[in-house]
C-alpha atoms as a PDB file:
ATOM      1  CA  UNK A   1     292.215  91.240 255.501  1.00  0.00           C
ATOM      2  CA  UNK A   2     291.225  89.254 252.453  1.00  0.00           C
ATOM      3  CA  UNK A   3     288.433  86.767 253.089  1.00  0.00           C
ATOM      4  CA  UNK A   4     286.196  84.793 250.750  1.00  0.00           C
ATOM      5  CA  UNK A   5     284.165  87.724 249.304  1.00  0.00           C
ATOM      6  CA  UNK A   6     287.312  89.712 248.524  1.00  0.00           C
ATOM      7  CA  UNK A   7     289.040  86.661 247.059  1.00  0.00           C
ATOM      8  CA  UNK A   8     286.047  85.983 244.793  1.00  0.00           C
ATOM      9  CA  UNK A   9     285.934  89.620 243.687  1.00  0.00           C
ATOM     10  CA  UNK A  10     289.646  89.894 242.903  1.00  0.00           C
ATOM     11  CA  UNK A  11     289.840  86.483 241.219  1.00  0.00           C
ATOM     12  CA  UNK A  12     286.958  87.426 238.922  1.00  0.00           C
ATOM     13  CA  UNK A  13     288.615  90.698 237.984  1.00  0.00           C
ATOM     14  CA  UNK A  14     291.891  88.909 237.299  1.00  0.00           C
ATOM     15  CA  UNK A  15     290.124  86.556 234.905  1.00  0.00           C
ATOM     16  CA  UNK A  16     288.651  89.496 233.019  1.00  0.00           C
ATOM     17  CA  UNK A  17     291.855  91.556 232.867  1.00  0.00           C
ATOM     18  CA  UNK A  18     294.794  89.168 232.985  1.00  0.00           C
ATOM     19  CA  UNK A  19     293.955  85.770 231.511  1.00  0.00           C
ATOM     20  CA  UNK A  20     296.194  85.185 228.514  1.00  0.00           C
ATOM     21  CA  UNK A  21     298.605  87.997 229.388  1.00  0.00           C
ATOM     22  CA  UNK A  22     302.304  87.134 229.246  1.00  0.00           C
ATOM     23  CA  UNK A  23     304.583  88.149 232.097  1.00  0.00           C
ATOM     24  CA  UNK A  24     307.598  90.147 230.934  1.00  0.00           C
ATOM     25  CA  UNK A  25     309.286  90.123 234.340  1.00  0.00           C
ATOM     26  CA  UNK A  26     308.500  89.273 237.925  1.00  0.00           C
ATOM     27  CA  UNK A  27     310.262  90.064 241.182  1.00  0.00           C
ATOM     28  CA  UNK A  28     309.594  89.603 244.862  1.00  0.00           C
ATOM     29  CA  UNK A  29     309.250  93.341 245.143  1.00  0.00           C
ATOM     30  CA  UNK A  30     311.329  96.262 246.285  1.00  0.00           C
ATOM     31  CA  UNK A  31     310.791  96.182 250.047  1.00  0.00           C
ATOM     32  CA  UNK A  32     311.760  93.403 252.478  1.00  0.00           C
ATOM     33  CA  UNK A  33     308.974  92.427 254.869  1.00  0.00           C
ATOM     34  CA  UNK A  34     309.408  90.215 257.917  1.00  0.00           C
ATOM     35  CA  UNK A  35     305.966  88.677 257.555  1.00  0.00           C
ATOM     36  CA  UNK A  36     305.798  88.325 253.777  1.00  0.00           C
ATOM     37  CA  UNK A  37     305.792  84.615 253.057  1.00  0.00           C
ATOM     38  CA  UNK A  38     307.476  83.271 249.922  1.00  0.00           C
ATOM     39  CA  UNK A  39     308.369  79.783 248.768  1.00  0.00           C
ATOM     40  CA  UNK A  40     311.527  80.441 246.770  1.00  0.00           C
ATOM     41  CA  UNK A  41     314.466  82.811 246.543  1.00  0.00           C
ATOM     42  CA  UNK A  42     314.182  86.128 244.747  1.00  0.00           C
ATOM     43  CA  UNK A  43     316.381  84.750 241.953  1.00  0.00           C
ATOM     44  CA  UNK A  44     314.083  81.763 241.458  1.00  0.00           C
ATOM     45  CA  UNK A  45     311.022  84.007 241.313  1.00  0.00           C
ATOM     46  CA  UNK A  46     312.639  86.051 238.557  1.00  0.00           C
ATOM     47  CA  UNK A  47     313.638  82.982 236.561  1.00  0.00           C
ATOM     48  CA  UNK A  48     310.281  81.227 236.870  1.00  0.00           C
ATOM     49  CA  UNK A  49     307.918  84.176 236.402  1.00  0.00           C
ATOM     50  CA  UNK A  50     309.425  85.685 233.258  1.00  0.00           C
ATOM     51  CA  UNK A  51     307.659  84.434 230.141  1.00  0.00           C
ATOM     52  CA  UNK A  52     304.760  82.720 231.964  1.00  0.00           C
ATOM     53  CA  UNK A  53     301.246  83.141 230.624  1.00  0.00           C
ATOM     54  CA  UNK A  54     298.532  84.017 233.125  1.00  0.00           C
ATOM     55  CA  UNK A  55     295.779  81.414 233.322  1.00  0.00           C
ATOM     56  CA  UNK A  56     292.613  81.307 235.398  1.00  0.00           C
ATOM     57  CA  UNK A  57     292.317  82.695 238.915  1.00  0.00           C
ATOM     58  CA  UNK A  58     290.216  80.826 241.478  1.00  0.00           C
ATOM     59  CA  UNK A  59     289.148  81.818 244.985  1.00  0.00           C
ATOM     60  CA  UNK A  60     290.085  79.070 247.449  1.00  0.00           C
ATOM     61  CA  UNK A  61     288.634  80.261 250.731  1.00  0.00           C
ATOM     62  CA  UNK A  62     290.542  83.424 251.628  1.00  0.00           C
ATOM     63  CA  UNK A  63     293.238  82.677 249.049  1.00  0.00           C
ATOM     64  CA  UNK A  64     293.492  83.448 245.355  1.00  0.00           C
ATOM     65  CA  UNK A  65     295.180  80.780 243.265  1.00  0.00           C
ATOM     66  CA  UNK A  66     296.410  82.267 239.988  1.00  0.00           C
ATOM     67  CA  UNK A  67     297.534  79.781 237.358  1.00  0.00           C
ATOM     68  CA  UNK A  68     300.776  80.579 235.559  1.00  0.00           C
ATOM     69  CA  UNK A  69     300.739  78.250 232.610  1.00  0.00           C
ATOM     70  CA  UNK A  70     301.732  75.614 232.155  1.00  0.00           C
ATOM     71  CA  UNK A  71     302.926  74.286 235.484  1.00  0.00           C
ATOM     72  CA  UNK A  72     303.004  76.919 238.240  1.00  0.00           C
ATOM     73  CA  UNK A  73     300.519  78.671 240.508  1.00  0.00           C
ATOM     74  CA  UNK A  74     300.811  81.906 242.444  1.00  0.00           C
ATOM     75  CA  UNK A  75     298.955  81.895 245.774  1.00  0.00           C
ATOM     76  CA  UNK A  76     297.925  85.250 247.226  1.00  0.00           C
ATOM     77  CA  UNK A  77     295.593  86.370 249.979  1.00  0.00           C
ATOM     78  CA  UNK A  78     294.384  85.320 253.423  1.00  0.00           C
ATOM     79  CA  UNK A  79     296.307  88.202 254.928  1.00  0.00           C
ATOM     80  CA  UNK A  80     296.691  91.955 254.739  1.00  0.00           C
ATOM     81  CA  UNK A  81     297.586  92.096 251.061  1.00  0.00           C
ATOM     82  CA  UNK A  82     296.606  94.865 248.678  1.00  0.00           C
ATOM     83  CA  UNK A  83     296.583  93.378 245.174  1.00  0.00           C
ATOM     84  CA  UNK A  84     296.443  96.046 242.485  1.00  0.00           C
ATOM     85  CA  UNK A  85     296.536  96.276 238.700  1.00  0.00           C
ATOM     86  CA  UNK A  86     298.347  99.267 237.222  1.00  0.00           C
ATOM     87  CA  UNK A  87     298.160 100.814 233.764  1.00  0.00           C
ATOM     88  CA  UNK A  88     301.007 103.196 234.506  1.00  0.00           C
ATOM     89  CA  UNK A  89     304.353 103.000 236.267  1.00  0.00           C
ATOM     90  CA  UNK A  90     303.377 106.227 238.015  1.00  0.00           C
ATOM     91  CA  UNK A  91     300.780 104.425 240.114  1.00  0.00           C
ATOM     92  CA  UNK A  92     303.094 101.708 241.461  1.00  0.00           C
ATOM     93  CA  UNK A  93     303.266 101.798 245.272  1.00  0.00           C
ATOM     94  CA  UNK A  94     306.539 102.893 246.824  1.00  0.00           C
ATOM     95  CA  UNK A  95     306.788  99.573 248.677  1.00  0.00           C
ATOM     96  CA  UNK A  96     305.597  96.232 247.368  1.00  0.00           C
ATOM     97  CA  UNK A  97     306.348  92.558 247.982  1.00  0.00           C
ATOM     98  CA  UNK A  98     305.566  91.265 244.482  1.00  0.00           C
ATOM     99  CA  UNK A  99     305.727  92.964 241.098  1.00  0.00           C
ATOM    100  CA  UNK A 100     304.664  91.451 237.784  1.00  0.00           C
ATOM    101  CA  UNK A 101     305.177  93.463 234.612  1.00  0.00           C
ATOM    102  CA  UNK A 102     303.277  92.346 231.500  1.00  0.00           C
ATOM    103  CA  UNK A 103     304.243  92.379 227.865  1.00  0.00           C
ATOM    104  CA  UNK A 104     302.449  95.249 226.162  1.00  0.00           C
ATOM    105  CA  UNK A 105     302.349  97.287 229.381  1.00  0.00           C
ATOM    106  CA  UNK A 106     300.743  97.207 232.771  1.00  0.00           C
ATOM    107  CA  UNK A 107     301.743  95.655 236.067  1.00  0.00           C
ATOM    108  CA  UNK A 108     300.386  93.812 239.083  1.00  0.00           C
ATOM    109  CA  UNK A 109     301.624  94.566 242.586  1.00  0.00           C
ATOM    110  CA  UNK A 110     301.094  92.890 245.937  1.00  0.00           C
ATOM    111  CA  UNK A 111     301.739  95.089 248.966  1.00  0.00           C
ATOM    112  CA  UNK A 112     301.516  93.471 252.381  1.00  0.00           C
ATOM    113  CA  UNK A 113     300.365  95.130 255.565  1.00  0.00           C
ATOM    114  CA  UNK A 114     300.841  93.103 258.729  1.00  0.00           C
ATOM    115  CA  UNK A 115     301.379  89.694 257.176  1.00  0.00           C
ATOM    116  CA  UNK A 116     300.588  87.990 253.904  1.00  0.00           C
ATOM    117  CA  UNK A 117     301.761  85.717 251.144  1.00  0.00           C
ATOM    118  CA  UNK A 118     302.981  85.701 247.563  1.00  0.00           C
ATOM    119  CA  UNK A 119     303.813  82.027 247.229  1.00  0.00           C
ATOM    120  CA  UNK A 120     304.924  80.335 244.034  1.00  0.00           C
ATOM    121  CA  UNK A 121     304.243  76.606 243.697  1.00  0.00           C
ATOM    122  CA  UNK A 122     304.244  73.886 241.102  1.00  0.00           C
ATOM    123  CA  UNK A 123     300.831  72.235 241.070  1.00  0.00           C
ATOM    124  CA  UNK A 124     302.080  69.083 242.847  1.00  0.00           C
ATOM    125  CA  UNK A 125     303.750  71.265 245.498  1.00  0.00           C
ATOM    126  CA  UNK A 126     300.528  73.177 246.046  1.00  0.00           C
ATOM    127  CA  UNK A 127     298.401  70.048 246.316  1.00  0.00           C
ATOM    128  CA  UNK A 128     300.800  68.581 248.882  1.00  0.00           C
ATOM    129  CA  UNK A 129     301.091  71.738 250.959  1.00  0.00           C
ATOM    130  CA  UNK A 130     299.265  71.296 254.301  1.00  0.00           C
ATOM    131  CA  UNK A 131     298.076  74.888 254.457  1.00  0.00           C
ATOM    132  CA  UNK A 132     298.109  76.652 251.091  1.00  0.00           C
ATOM    133  CA  UNK A 133     296.873  73.505 249.366  1.00  0.00           C
ATOM    134  CA  UNK A 134     293.938  72.975 251.711  1.00  0.00           C
ATOM    135  CA  UNK A 135     290.572  73.154 249.986  1.00  0.00           C
ATOM    136  CA  UNK A 136     287.394  73.250 252.061  1.00  0.00           C
ATOM    137  CA  UNK A 137     283.668  73.617 251.512  1.00  0.00           C
ATOM    138  CA  UNK A 138     282.736  77.218 250.756  1.00  0.00           C
ATOM    139  CA  UNK A 139     279.653  78.537 252.575  1.00  0.00           C
ATOM    140  CA  UNK A 140     278.323  79.530 249.142  1.00  0.00           C
ATOM    141  CA  UNK A 141     278.524  76.022 247.675  1.00  0.00           C
ATOM    142  CA  UNK A 142     275.574  73.666 247.476  1.00  0.00           C
ATOM    143  CA  UNK A 143     277.594  71.206 249.581  1.00  0.00           C
ATOM    144  CA  UNK A 144     277.501  73.638 252.498  1.00  0.00           C
ATOM    145  CA  UNK A 145     274.189  72.307 253.753  1.00  0.00           C
ATOM    146  CA  UNK A 146     272.870  72.645 257.268  1.00  0.00           C
ATOM    147  CA  UNK A 147     273.624  68.962 257.832  1.00  0.00           C
ATOM    148  CA  UNK A 148     277.241  69.556 256.816  1.00  0.00           C
ATOM    149  CA  UNK A 149     277.495  72.579 259.120  1.00  0.00           C
ATOM    150  CA  UNK A 150     275.762  70.794 261.979  1.00  0.00           C
ATOM    151  CA  UNK A 151     278.250  67.949 261.610  1.00  0.00           C
ATOM    152  CA  UNK A 152     281.126  70.312 262.420  1.00  0.00           C
ATOM    153  CA  UNK A 153     279.859  70.444 265.989  1.00  0.00           C
ATOM    154  CA  UNK A 154     280.560  66.721 266.277  1.00  0.00           C
ATOM    155  CA  UNK A 155     284.277  67.599 266.454  1.00  0.00           C
ATOM    156  CA  UNK A 156     283.700  69.157 269.882  1.00  0.00           C
ATOM    157  CA  UNK A 157     284.173  67.100 273.020  1.00  0.00           C
ATOM    158  CA  UNK A 158     281.842  67.333 276.055  1.00  0.00           C
ATOM    159  CA  UNK A 159     284.241  69.680 277.859  1.00  0.00           C
ATOM    160  CA  UNK A 160     285.653  71.459 274.814  1.00  0.00           C
ATOM    161  CA  UNK A 161     286.349  75.136 275.653  1.00  0.00           C
ATOM    162  CA  UNK A 162     286.320  76.303 272.007  1.00  0.00           C
ATOM    163  CA  UNK A 163     284.370  79.555 271.710  1.00  0.00           C
ATOM    164  CA  UNK A 164     281.872  80.222 268.942  1.00  0.00           C
ATOM    165  CA  UNK A 165     284.343  82.759 267.543  1.00  0.00           C
ATOM    166  CA  UNK A 166     287.134  80.192 267.297  1.00  0.00           C
ATOM    167  CA  UNK A 167     284.704  77.570 266.017  1.00  0.00           C
ATOM    168  CA  UNK A 168     283.701  79.724 263.032  1.00  0.00           C
ATOM    169  CA  UNK A 169     287.078  81.146 262.041  1.00  0.00           C
ATOM    170  CA  UNK A 170     289.588  78.556 263.244  1.00  0.00           C
ATOM    171  CA  UNK A 171     288.600  75.230 264.799  1.00  0.00           C
ATOM    172  CA  UNK A 172     287.191  73.642 262.694  1.00  0.00           C
ATOM    173  CA  UNK A 173     286.462  76.898 260.866  1.00  0.00           C
ATOM    174  CA  UNK A 174     284.121  77.898 258.064  1.00  0.00           C
ATOM    175  CA  UNK A 175     286.164  77.986 254.868  1.00  0.00           C
ATOM    176  CA  UNK A 176     287.020  81.549 253.841  1.00  0.00           C
ATOM    177  CA  UNK A 177     285.482  83.298 256.865  1.00  0.00           C
ATOM    178  CA  UNK A 178     287.631  85.288 259.285  1.00  0.00           C
ATOM    179  CA  UNK A 179     287.376  88.097 261.792  1.00  0.00           C
ATOM    180  CA  UNK A 180     286.230  90.630 259.207  1.00  0.00           C
ATOM    181  CA  UNK A 181     282.790  89.074 258.799  1.00  0.00           C
ATOM    182  CA  UNK A 182     282.513  87.265 262.110  1.00  0.00           C
ATOM    183  CA  UNK A 183     280.998  90.171 264.031  1.00  0.00           C
ATOM    184  CA  UNK A 184     278.155  90.569 261.532  1.00  0.00           C
ATOM    185  CA  UNK A 185     277.538  86.826 261.437  1.00  0.00           C
ATOM    186  CA  UNK A 186     277.281  86.519 265.210  1.00  0.00           C
ATOM    187  CA  UNK A 187     275.205  89.700 265.494  1.00  0.00           C
ATOM    188  CA  UNK A 188     272.700  88.315 262.995  1.00  0.00           C
ATOM    189  CA  UNK A 189     272.634  84.982 264.814  1.00  0.00           C
ATOM    190  CA  UNK A 190     272.381  86.703 268.240  1.00  0.00           C
ATOM    191  CA  UNK A 191     275.205  84.590 269.682  1.00  0.00           C
ATOM    192  CA  UNK A 192     277.998  85.959 271.882  1.00  0.00           C
ATOM    193  CA  UNK A 193     281.486  85.302 270.434  1.00  0.00           C
ATOM    194  CA  UNK A 194     282.819  83.922 273.738  1.00  0.00           C
ATOM    195  CA  UNK A 195     280.008  81.426 274.139  1.00  0.00           C
ATOM    196  CA  UNK A 196     281.335  77.837 274.207  1.00  0.00           C
ATOM    197  CA  UNK A 197     280.416  76.311 270.861  1.00  0.00           C
ATOM    198  CA  UNK A 198     279.412  73.024 272.510  1.00  0.00           C
ATOM    199  CA  UNK A 199     276.574  74.881 274.273  1.00  0.00           C
ATOM    200  CA  UNK A 200     274.997  76.200 271.062  1.00  0.00           C
ATOM    201  CA  UNK A 201     271.629  74.462 270.746  1.00  0.00           C
ATOM    202  CA  UNK A 202     269.857  73.245 267.602  1.00  0.00           C
ATOM    203  CA  UNK A 203     267.879  76.452 266.985  1.00  0.00           C
ATOM    204  CA  UNK A 204     270.990  78.562 267.449  1.00  0.00           C
ATOM    205  CA  UNK A 205     272.894  76.370 265.027  1.00  0.00           C
ATOM    206  CA  UNK A 206     270.194  77.020 262.435  1.00  0.00           C
ATOM    207  CA  UNK A 207     270.452  80.737 263.097  1.00  0.00           C
ATOM    208  CA  UNK A 208     274.241  80.654 262.857  1.00  0.00           C
ATOM    209  CA  UNK A 209     274.138  78.697 259.608  1.00  0.00           C
ATOM    210  CA  UNK A 210     271.675  81.167 258.097  1.00  0.00           C
ATOM    211  CA  UNK A 211     273.717  84.147 259.254  1.00  0.00           C
ATOM    212  CA  UNK A 212     276.864  82.756 257.634  1.00  0.00           C
ATOM    213  CA  UNK A 213     275.135  82.210 254.301  1.00  0.00           C
ATOM    214  CA  UNK A 214     273.378  85.593 254.418  1.00  0.00           C
ATOM    215  CA  UNK A 215     276.432  87.618 255.425  1.00  0.00           C
ATOM    216  CA  UNK A 216     278.912  86.036 253.025  1.00  0.00           C
ATOM    217  CA  UNK A 217     276.409  86.068 250.157  1.00  0.00           C
ATOM    218  CA  UNK A 218     275.647  89.755 250.657  1.00  0.00           C
ATOM    219  CA  UNK A 219     279.341  90.623 250.847  1.00  0.00           C
ATOM    220  CA  UNK A 220     280.097  88.800 247.596  1.00  0.00           C
ATOM    221  CA  UNK A 221     277.247  90.612 245.841  1.00  0.00           C
ATOM    222  CA  UNK A 222     278.623  93.940 247.075  1.00  0.00           C
ATOM    223  CA  UNK A 223     282.235  93.230 246.123  1.00  0.00           C
ATOM    224  CA  UNK A 224     283.624  92.754 249.634  1.00  0.00           C
ATOM    225  CA  UNK A 225     284.029  95.038 252.630  1.00  0.00           C
ATOM    226  CA  UNK A 226     284.362  98.791 252.250  1.00  0.00           C
ATOM    227  CA  UNK A 227     287.628  98.621 254.197  1.00  0.00           C
ATOM    228  CA  UNK A 228     289.203  96.453 251.466  1.00  0.00           C
ATOM    229  CA  UNK A 229     290.191  97.295 247.893  1.00  0.00           C
ATOM    230  CA  UNK A 230     289.645  95.391 244.672  1.00  0.00           C
ATOM    231  CA  UNK A 231     292.071  94.901 241.780  1.00  0.00           C
ATOM    232  CA  UNK A 232     291.409  98.479 240.605  1.00  0.00           C
ATOM    233  CA  UNK A 233     291.895 100.026 244.059  1.00  0.00           C
ATOM    234  CA  UNK A 234     288.164 100.539 244.534  1.00  0.00           C
ATOM    235  CA  UNK A 235     286.586  99.818 247.923  1.00  0.00           C
ATOM    236  CA  UNK A 236     283.937  97.171 248.321  1.00  0.00           C
ATOM    237  CA  UNK A 237     280.374  98.224 249.107  1.00  0.00           C
ATOM    238  CA  UNK A 238     279.648  95.915 252.064  1.00  0.00           C
END
């Protein structure tokens, strides 16, 4: 599953390899998938994608927002997507849920395992979307201070049953962190995942905060988890 370190890695590679490239054609892919989430019909994807110029890619939590100039954005990630760049038609996967072919050669595919997204928005649509448009505070940003993190515990009531696991990845959640990194975070912090978050004391909150920063930072440096693949189909080193 793509989380913040993988999104940062893939977005950076997209900026190096794709910015300024013009899309010759784009389709929703060649294989229907029950849990592949789109925002338009296949015909609309084809009409909108053809002729667009690729702009900058940005990691938004576990999502990658890829600008398609001048007025669209493609949102990928936060699921079981494999996002790959191809120099040759021979390397295209047999099944894929999105295919972009570029003028001058090369292609980008998105293949979804389990569930995932290849959503096409105008910028106003994206900003208004309650889920895809949500932007939070990354644990790598300067704004992710201990005071900010400690304040998240204020959302918990005196009898709130929310576990530490759910607190980190869901309610309220640490932006861009999911199950893939949770086990390492909680192991470093020495906190059981089923422990009620409201019972985590001040010292444990400090430990949890440090473990989040340490784990996510290390994973970004190493290009994501070794169970995930980057834009060139290479595994991460975390």
